[in-house]
């Protein structure tokens, strides 16, 4: 069964090329996937020099795949303490 979008199932449009390199550098500078996703949604990313920043919506599974392909070691997030 094919996807309606026209790409093979399980593959993302963000896994190759210049956008992949931008996402990898953003993950490294932000230090985490959630911070990277928030920065892409709120502030935007500079895709082409001299043009305004563009906002990208990237899912968490895609960010995890990009980080694994780039062999970035991800640390767990903050520990939440529950007051009793």
C-alpha atoms as a PDB file:
ATOM      1  CA  UNK A   1       0.000   0.000   0.000  1.00  0.00           C
ATOM      2  CA  UNK A   2       1.379   3.402  -0.960  1.00  0.00           C
ATOM      3  CA  UNK A   3       1.228   6.635   0.949  1.00  0.00           C
ATOM      4  CA  UNK A   4      -1.002   9.368  -0.444  1.00  0.00           C
ATOM      5  CA  UNK A   5       1.884  11.841  -0.377  1.00  0.00           C
ATOM      6  CA  UNK A   6       3.867   9.851  -2.934  1.00  0.00           C
ATOM      7  CA  UNK A   7       6.877   8.768  -0.889  1.00  0.00           C
ATOM      8  CA  UNK A   8       7.590   5.290   0.463  1.00  0.00           C
ATOM      9  CA  UNK A   9       6.057   4.536   3.841  1.00  0.00           C
ATOM     10  CA  UNK A  10       8.373   5.169   6.770  1.00  0.00           C
ATOM     11  CA  UNK A  11      10.621   7.643   4.951  1.00  0.00           C
ATOM     12  CA  UNK A  12      10.691  11.332   5.676  1.00  0.00           C
ATOM     13  CA  UNK A  13      11.271  14.229   3.342  1.00  0.00           C
ATOM     14  CA  UNK A  14      13.814  15.668   5.811  1.00  0.00           C
ATOM     15  CA  UNK A  15      16.356  12.855   5.754  1.00  0.00           C
ATOM     16  CA  UNK A  16      18.554  14.063   2.877  1.00  0.00           C
ATOM     17  CA  UNK A  17      20.293  17.175   1.688  1.00  0.00           C
ATOM     18  CA  UNK A  18      20.764  20.654   3.029  1.00  0.00           C
ATOM     19  CA  UNK A  19      17.770  20.574   5.383  1.00  0.00           C
ATOM     20  CA  UNK A  20      19.214  17.481   7.083  1.00  0.00           C
ATOM     21  CA  UNK A  21      22.511  19.286   7.745  1.00  0.00           C
ATOM     22  CA  UNK A  22      20.663  22.294   9.138  1.00  0.00           C
ATOM     23  CA  UNK A  23      18.593  20.100  11.472  1.00  0.00           C
ATOM     24  CA  UNK A  24      21.706  18.204  12.658  1.00  0.00           C
ATOM     25  CA  UNK A  25      23.532  21.431  13.496  1.00  0.00           C
ATOM     26  CA  UNK A  26      20.428  22.752  15.257  1.00  0.00           C
ATOM     27  CA  UNK A  27      20.126  19.579  17.378  1.00  0.00           C
ATOM     28  CA  UNK A  28      23.794  19.928  18.359  1.00  0.00           C
ATOM     29  CA  UNK A  29      23.469  23.600  19.312  1.00  0.00           C
ATOM     30  CA  UNK A  30      20.147  23.222  21.162  1.00  0.00           C
ATOM     31  CA  UNK A  31      21.236  20.067  22.986  1.00  0.00           C
ATOM     32  CA  UNK A  32      17.898  18.289  22.722  1.00  0.00           C
ATOM     33  CA  UNK A  33      15.106  17.315  20.395  1.00  0.00           C
ATOM     34  CA  UNK A  34      12.309  19.258  22.076  1.00  0.00           C
ATOM     35  CA  UNK A  35      14.339  22.470  22.163  1.00  0.00           C
ATOM     36  CA  UNK A  36      15.261  21.956  18.508  1.00  0.00           C
ATOM     37  CA  UNK A  37      11.640  21.397  17.488  1.00  0.00           C
ATOM     38  CA  UNK A  38      10.472  24.442  19.447  1.00  0.00           C
ATOM     39  CA  UNK A  39      13.158  26.649  17.902  1.00  0.00           C
ATOM     40  CA  UNK A  40      12.192  25.524  14.379  1.00  0.00           C
ATOM     41  CA  UNK A  41       8.503  26.239  15.054  1.00  0.00           C
ATOM     42  CA  UNK A  42       8.830  29.524  16.951  1.00  0.00           C
ATOM     43  CA  UNK A  43      11.935  31.270  15.597  1.00  0.00           C
ATOM     44  CA  UNK A  44      12.357  29.542  12.258  1.00  0.00           C
ATOM     45  CA  UNK A  45      15.472  28.283  10.486  1.00  0.00           C
ATOM     46  CA  UNK A  46      17.702  30.040   7.956  1.00  0.00           C
ATOM     47  CA  UNK A  47      17.419  27.752   4.911  1.00  0.00           C
ATOM     48  CA  UNK A  48      18.804  30.138   2.298  1.00  0.00           C
ATOM     49  CA  UNK A  49      21.275  32.922   3.028  1.00  0.00           C
ATOM     50  CA  UNK A  50      19.893  36.407   2.616  1.00  0.00           C
ATOM     51  CA  UNK A  51      16.272  35.296   2.882  1.00  0.00           C
ATOM     52  CA  UNK A  52      14.038  35.474   5.965  1.00  0.00           C
ATOM     53  CA  UNK A  53      13.905  32.536   8.341  1.00  0.00           C
ATOM     54  CA  UNK A  54      11.347  29.854   7.553  1.00  0.00           C
ATOM     55  CA  UNK A  55       9.365  27.902  10.121  1.00  0.00           C
ATOM     56  CA  UNK A  56       9.569  24.134   9.769  1.00  0.00           C
ATOM     57  CA  UNK A  57       7.274  21.589  11.323  1.00  0.00           C
ATOM     58  CA  UNK A  58       9.201  18.371  11.912  1.00  0.00           C
ATOM     59  CA  UNK A  59       7.830  15.441  13.887  1.00  0.00           C
ATOM     60  CA  UNK A  60       9.702  13.960  16.833  1.00  0.00           C
ATOM     61  CA  UNK A  61      10.255  10.567  15.131  1.00  0.00           C
ATOM     62  CA  UNK A  62      11.894  12.371  12.200  1.00  0.00           C
ATOM     63  CA  UNK A  63      14.160  14.295  14.576  1.00  0.00           C
ATOM     64  CA  UNK A  64      15.116  11.037  16.303  1.00  0.00           C
ATOM     65  CA  UNK A  65      15.978   9.435  12.940  1.00  0.00           C
ATOM     66  CA  UNK A  66      18.075  12.435  11.903  1.00  0.00           C
ATOM     67  CA  UNK A  67      19.918  12.378  15.246  1.00  0.00           C
ATOM     68  CA  UNK A  68      20.567   8.630  14.962  1.00  0.00           C
ATOM     69  CA  UNK A  69      21.882   8.969  11.405  1.00  0.00           C
ATOM     70  CA  UNK A  70      24.228  11.741  12.530  1.00  0.00           C
ATOM     71  CA  UNK A  71      25.273   9.588  15.533  1.00  0.00           C
ATOM     72  CA  UNK A  72      24.381  12.297  18.037  1.00  0.00           C
ATOM     73  CA  UNK A  73      24.299  10.997  21.591  1.00  0.00           C
ATOM     74  CA  UNK A  74      21.089  12.235  23.156  1.00  0.00           C
ATOM     75  CA  UNK A  75      20.811  12.744  26.888  1.00  0.00           C
ATOM     76  CA  UNK A  76      17.607  12.202  28.854  1.00  0.00           C
ATOM     77  CA  UNK A  77      15.590  15.284  29.749  1.00  0.00           C
ATOM     78  CA  UNK A  78      15.017  16.852  33.109  1.00  0.00           C
ATOM     79  CA  UNK A  79      13.912  14.607  35.914  1.00  0.00           C
ATOM     80  CA  UNK A  80      10.553  15.584  37.316  1.00  0.00           C
ATOM     81  CA  UNK A  81      10.179  15.339  41.069  1.00  0.00           C
ATOM     82  CA  UNK A  82       6.714  14.854  42.462  1.00  0.00           C
ATOM     83  CA  UNK A  83       5.907  16.520  45.761  1.00  0.00           C
ATOM     84  CA  UNK A  84       3.803  14.417  48.125  1.00  0.00           C
END
